[in-house]
Amino acid sequence: MKIRAGYEIAYECPQPTPMVLMLSVHPSRIADIAAPHRIVFDPAIAARDYRDDFDNICTRIIAPLGRLTVATDFVIADPGTPDVVAPDAEQVPVQDLPDDVLIYLLGSRYCDTDHLSSMAWSMFGSGPTGWGRVQAICDHVHQRLSFGYHHASATRTAWDGFREQRGVCRDFAHLAITLCRCMNIPARYCTGYLGDIGVPLAPEPMDFSAWFEVYLGGRWYTFDARHNTPRIGRILMAHGRDATDVALSTSFGATKLASFNVHTDEVVD
């Protein structure tokens, strides 16, 4: 299948402002894009890409005084299959984990494992391991948190979400990631496109989505505590320890988000 995706985002700056954007498709999916993937700026400005420590594509710019519109539109080939389900995937003992995976066991800004460790072991310590344990965590988070865009908060940690019992997709991901890490299961945060493909159309405007991946049986698997069901058509943009590592934009000065539009639709021949 083919998916058309993209965005148009506008910022307003009171003065020229350095920014780092993380709005490109992840390198692992670049080969699936039908045409060269590029970001268009209005007005035209200089931009330079680099790879961060998680192999995400980051774009450095200096946003000019006034309004800057950032946009892209592309068509990507997708297998059209749901997220992989592997009930037999086993948990890897900590001592056998690859060195570069260990970081995904540690606490991070939004994944405050120190607040949730005891609770996690009391809830999930006597249950299944491996895939079954991750699924039990997803079930718990899915049931505990109430989703709503009006619940969005840029400073909510996993512990905050657990106590407040509400949030947006990033909060579902942060809580599930944190509980997995507490149980010695490496977990990383993912952001990207997830259109209403194969499911009823949601009434809310399209947005970017957050999910997470866990390391089981020697590979990474996708989980989604918000939807808690395999989905079709995920397009990864970036992954890292938590939302800090994959912020859509980071500005080094005052900026205002003036408009925000995302589209993700299946291409019907």
Protein backbone atom coordinates (compact mmCIF):
# COMPACT_ATOMS: atom_id res chain seq x y z
CA MET A 1 0.00 0.00 0.00
CA LYS A 2 0.98 3.66 -0.31
CA ILE A 3 0.50 6.38 2.27
CA ARG A 4 0.60 10.13 1.64
CA ALA A 5 1.83 12.07 4.65
CA GLY A 6 3.22 15.42 5.60
CA TYR A 7 2.69 18.58 7.58
CA GLU A 8 2.57 22.37 7.47
CA ILE A 9 3.76 24.07 10.65
CA ALA A 10 4.28 27.79 11.19
CA TYR A 11 6.35 29.54 13.84
CA GLU A 12 6.56 33.23 14.70
CA CYS A 13 9.79 34.65 16.09
CA PRO A 14 10.42 38.15 17.50
CA GLN A 15 14.04 37.92 16.34
CA PRO A 16 16.25 35.50 14.35
CA THR A 17 16.26 32.31 16.41
CA PRO A 18 18.38 29.15 16.12
CA MET A 19 16.25 26.00 16.04
CA VAL A 20 16.70 22.25 15.75
CA LEU A 21 13.87 20.41 13.97
CA MET A 22 13.22 16.68 14.11
CA LEU A 23 10.62 16.49 11.35
CA SER A 24 12.20 14.08 8.86
CA VAL A 25 11.28 10.46 8.32
CA HIS A 26 13.66 8.13 10.16
CA PRO A 27 16.57 6.79 8.06
CA SER A 28 15.15 3.26 8.37
CA ARG A 29 12.18 4.33 6.21
CA ILE A 30 13.86 6.68 3.73
CA ALA A 31 14.20 3.93 1.10
CA ASP A 32 10.39 3.49 1.13
CA ILE A 33 9.69 7.09 0.08
CA ALA A 34 8.66 7.41 -3.56
CA ALA A 35 10.47 10.73 -4.14
CA PRO A 36 13.30 12.57 -2.38
CA HIS A 37 12.22 13.61 1.09
CA ARG A 38 12.77 17.31 1.70
CA ILE A 39 11.56 20.04 4.01
CA VAL A 40 10.36 23.28 2.40
CA PHE A 41 10.75 26.60 4.20
CA ASP A 42 8.78 29.79 3.49
CA PRO A 43 10.56 32.15 3.32
CA ALA A 44 13.47 30.12 1.97
CA ILE A 45 16.29 29.78 4.48
CA ALA A 46 19.48 27.75 4.84
CA ALA A 47 19.18 24.37 6.59
CA ARG A 48 21.64 21.64 7.50
CA ASP A 49 20.93 18.03 8.54
CA TYR A 50 22.90 15.87 10.95
CA ARG A 51 22.41 12.52 12.70
CA ASP A 52 22.08 12.47 16.48
CA ASP A 53 23.26 9.69 18.82
CA PHE A 54 20.03 7.73 18.18
CA ASP A 55 20.46 7.94 14.37
CA ASN A 56 17.59 10.39 13.99
CA ILE A 57 17.77 13.09 11.30
CA CYS A 58 17.92 16.57 12.83
CA THR A 59 17.72 19.83 10.89
CA ARG A 60 19.48 23.00 12.06
CA ILE A 61 18.09 26.38 10.99
CA ILE A 62 17.97 29.99 12.03
CA ALA A 63 14.32 31.00 11.93
CA PRO A 64 14.02 34.59 10.65
CA LEU A 65 12.20 37.46 12.30
CA GLY A 66 8.48 37.06 11.73
CA ARG A 67 6.63 34.02 10.42
CA LEU A 68 8.32 30.85 9.15
CA THR A 69 6.34 28.02 7.56
CA VAL A 70 7.87 24.54 7.53
CA ALA A 71 6.25 21.91 5.30
CA THR A 72 6.68 18.59 3.59
CA ASP A 73 4.52 16.20 1.58
CA PHE A 74 5.52 12.73 0.47
CA VAL A 75 4.25 9.30 -0.55
CA ILE A 76 5.72 6.26 1.15
CA ALA A 77 5.38 2.55 0.40
CA ASP A 78 4.20 0.48 3.35
CA PRO A 79 3.64 -3.28 3.70
CA GLY A 80 0.11 -2.61 4.96
CA THR A 81 0.47 -5.20 7.70
CA PRO A 82 -0.36 -4.66 11.38
CA ASP A 83 2.28 -4.37 14.07
CA VAL A 84 4.03 -7.69 14.68
CA VAL A 85 2.63 -9.82 17.51
CA ALA A 86 5.11 -12.34 18.95
CA PRO A 87 3.72 -13.92 22.13
CA ASP A 88 6.76 -16.20 22.44
CA ALA A 89 9.31 -13.34 22.46
CA GLU A 90 11.37 -13.73 25.60
CA GLN A 91 12.88 -11.21 27.96
CA VAL A 92 16.67 -10.96 27.62
CA PRO A 93 18.58 -11.11 30.94
CA VAL A 94 20.25 -7.80 31.73
CA GLN A 95 23.71 -9.36 31.64
CA ASP A 96 23.10 -10.53 28.07
CA LEU A 97 21.81 -7.24 26.66
CA PRO A 98 23.92 -5.48 24.00
CA ASP A 99 25.83 -2.48 25.34
CA ASP A 100 23.88 0.02 23.24
CA VAL A 101 20.56 -1.27 24.60
CA LEU A 102 21.38 -0.75 28.29
CA ILE A 103 20.58 2.96 28.11
CA TYR A 104 16.92 2.04 27.59
CA LEU A 105 16.78 0.53 31.07
CA LEU A 106 17.74 3.79 32.76
CA GLY A 107 15.50 6.52 34.07
CA SER A 108 15.23 9.69 31.98
CA ARG A 109 13.55 13.09 32.17
CA TYR A 110 9.98 11.87 31.61
CA CYS A 111 10.50 8.24 32.59
CA ASP A 112 11.14 8.56 36.32
CA THR A 113 11.73 4.92 37.21
CA ASP A 114 12.68 5.74 40.80
CA HIS A 115 9.08 6.71 41.58
CA LEU A 116 7.49 3.62 40.02
CA SER A 117 9.90 0.73 40.58
CA SER A 118 8.36 -0.72 43.76
CA MET A 119 4.85 -0.41 42.40
CA ALA A 120 5.87 -2.03 39.09
CA TRP A 121 7.36 -5.08 40.83
CA SER A 122 4.33 -5.47 43.08
CA MET A 123 1.99 -5.39 40.07
CA PHE A 124 3.93 -7.29 37.41
CA GLY A 125 6.63 -9.22 39.27
CA SER A 126 4.64 -12.42 39.74
CA GLY A 127 3.00 -12.45 36.31
CA PRO A 128 4.27 -13.54 32.91
CA THR A 129 7.65 -12.47 31.57
CA GLY A 130 8.68 -11.37 28.11
CA TRP A 131 5.89 -10.45 25.71
CA GLY A 132 3.18 -11.30 28.23
CA ARG A 133 4.66 -8.89 30.78
CA VAL A 134 4.83 -6.03 28.27
CA GLN A 135 1.25 -6.70 27.19
CA ALA A 136 0.12 -6.71 30.83
CA ILE A 137 1.79 -3.31 31.26
CA CYS A 138 0.07 -1.97 28.13
CA ASP A 139 -3.28 -3.24 29.36
CA HIS A 140 -2.77 -1.50 32.70
CA VAL A 141 -1.73 1.83 31.17
CA HIS A 142 -4.51 1.70 28.60
CA GLN A 143 -7.09 1.19 31.33
CA ARG A 144 -5.61 3.59 33.87
CA LEU A 145 -5.11 6.70 31.75
CA SER A 146 -7.91 8.71 30.19
CA PHE A 147 -7.00 10.15 26.78
CA GLY A 148 -7.80 13.73 25.80
CA TYR A 149 -5.96 16.44 23.85
CA HIS A 150 -7.01 18.93 26.52
CA HIS A 151 -4.94 16.88 28.99
CA ALA A 152 -1.67 17.72 27.18
CA SER A 153 1.19 18.94 29.37
CA ALA A 154 4.80 19.52 28.33
CA THR A 155 6.11 18.74 31.81
CA ARG A 156 4.09 15.63 32.81
CA THR A 157 6.32 12.69 33.78
CA ALA A 158 5.32 9.03 33.91
CA TRP A 159 4.78 9.33 37.67
CA ASP A 160 2.58 12.41 37.14
CA GLY A 161 0.55 10.56 34.54
CA PHE A 162 0.13 7.58 36.83
CA ARG A 163 -1.18 9.81 39.62
CA GLU A 164 -3.34 12.08 37.44
CA GLN A 165 -4.67 9.15 35.38
CA ARG A 166 -4.91 11.23 32.21
CA GLY A 167 -2.83 12.35 29.28
CA VAL A 168 -2.17 12.24 25.55
CA CYS A 169 -0.35 9.56 23.54
CA ARG A 170 3.09 10.63 24.81
CA ASP A 171 1.92 10.13 28.41
CA PHE A 172 0.66 6.62 27.64
CA ALA A 173 4.05 5.85 26.08
CA HIS A 174 6.06 7.37 28.93
CA LEU A 175 4.20 5.42 31.61
CA ALA A 176 4.44 2.12 29.73
CA ILE A 177 8.15 2.67 28.97
CA THR A 178 8.86 3.46 32.61
CA LEU A 179 7.07 0.37 33.89
CA CYS A 180 8.94 -1.79 31.36
CA ARG A 181 12.28 -0.36 32.43
CA CYS A 182 11.39 -0.97 36.08
CA MET A 183 10.92 -4.63 35.11
CA ASN A 184 14.33 -4.74 33.36
CA ILE A 185 12.82 -4.66 29.86
CA PRO A 186 14.55 -2.10 27.58
CA ALA A 187 12.01 0.33 26.13
CA ARG A 188 12.39 3.37 23.88
CA TYR A 189 10.07 6.20 22.87
CA CYS A 190 8.96 6.59 19.24
CA THR A 191 7.27 9.43 17.39
CA GLY A 192 5.90 9.57 13.87
CA TYR A 193 2.83 9.38 11.69
CA LEU A 194 -0.10 7.07 12.42
CA GLY A 195 -3.13 7.67 10.23
CA ASP A 196 -6.61 6.25 10.68
CA ILE A 197 -5.89 3.37 8.31
CA GLY A 198 -7.82 0.17 8.87
CA VAL A 199 -9.77 1.78 11.73
CA PRO A 200 -12.72 4.22 11.93
CA LEU A 201 -11.78 7.85 11.31
CA ALA A 202 -11.14 9.79 14.50
CA PRO A 203 -13.10 13.05 14.84
CA GLU A 204 -10.08 15.02 16.07
CA PRO A 205 -7.63 16.74 13.68
CA MET A 206 -4.69 14.60 12.61
CA ASP A 207 -1.57 14.88 14.75
CA PHE A 208 1.76 13.13 15.10
CA SER A 209 1.61 10.06 17.31
CA ALA A 210 3.75 8.50 20.04
CA TRP A 211 4.26 4.81 20.72
CA PHE A 212 7.14 2.73 22.06
CA GLU A 213 9.35 -0.24 21.29
CA VAL A 214 10.69 -2.94 23.59
CA TYR A 215 13.72 -5.16 23.20
CA LEU A 216 12.73 -8.83 23.43
CA GLY A 217 14.38 -11.92 22.01
CA GLY A 218 17.18 -9.92 20.38
CA ARG A 219 15.06 -7.40 18.44
CA TRP A 220 12.77 -4.39 18.88
CA TYR A 221 8.97 -4.77 18.84
CA THR A 222 6.31 -2.07 18.57
CA PHE A 223 3.74 -1.52 21.33
CA ASP A 224 1.11 1.19 21.69
CA ALA A 225 -0.43 1.65 25.13
CA ARG A 226 -2.90 4.29 23.94
CA HIS A 227 -4.58 2.21 21.24
CA ASN A 228 -3.51 -1.16 22.67
CA THR A 229 -4.12 -3.00 19.43
CA PRO A 230 -1.90 -3.67 16.39
CA ARG A 231 -2.16 -0.85 13.86
CA ILE A 232 -1.35 -0.42 10.18
CA GLY A 233 0.79 2.26 8.59
CA ARG A 234 3.15 3.60 11.25
CA ILE A 235 5.82 5.87 9.79
CA LEU A 236 8.69 6.37 12.24
CA MET A 237 10.29 9.79 12.45
CA ALA A 238 12.52 9.41 15.50
CA HIS A 239 13.18 7.37 18.61
CA GLY A 240 15.05 7.98 21.86
CA ARG A 241 14.89 7.66 25.64
CA ASP A 242 11.72 9.77 25.92
CA ALA A 243 10.07 12.83 24.36
CA THR A 244 13.08 14.98 25.25
CA ASP A 245 15.19 13.21 22.63
CA VAL A 246 12.63 13.48 19.83
CA ALA A 247 11.13 16.97 20.22
CA LEU A 248 9.64 18.15 16.93
CA SER A 249 11.32 21.51 17.42
CA THR A 250 13.76 22.95 19.92
CA SER A 251 14.20 26.72 19.84
CA PHE A 252 17.05 28.65 21.41
CA GLY A 253 15.01 31.79 21.95
CA ALA A 254 11.40 32.93 22.02
CA THR A 255 9.10 31.30 19.42
CA LYS A 256 5.35 30.96 19.07
CA LEU A 257 3.58 28.08 17.33
CA ALA A 258 1.28 29.87 14.87
CA SER A 259 -0.32 26.93 13.03
CA PHE A 260 -0.04 23.15 12.98
CA ASN A 261 -1.46 20.74 10.41
CA VAL A 262 -0.58 17.08 9.81
CA HIS A 263 -1.99 14.69 7.19
CA THR A 264 -1.65 10.91 6.88
CA ASP A 265 -3.90 9.10 4.42
CA GLU A 266 -3.87 5.88 2.44
CA VAL A 267 -3.47 6.45 -1.30
CA VAL A 268 -6.38 4.82 -3.08
CA ASP A 269 -5.72 4.07 -6.78
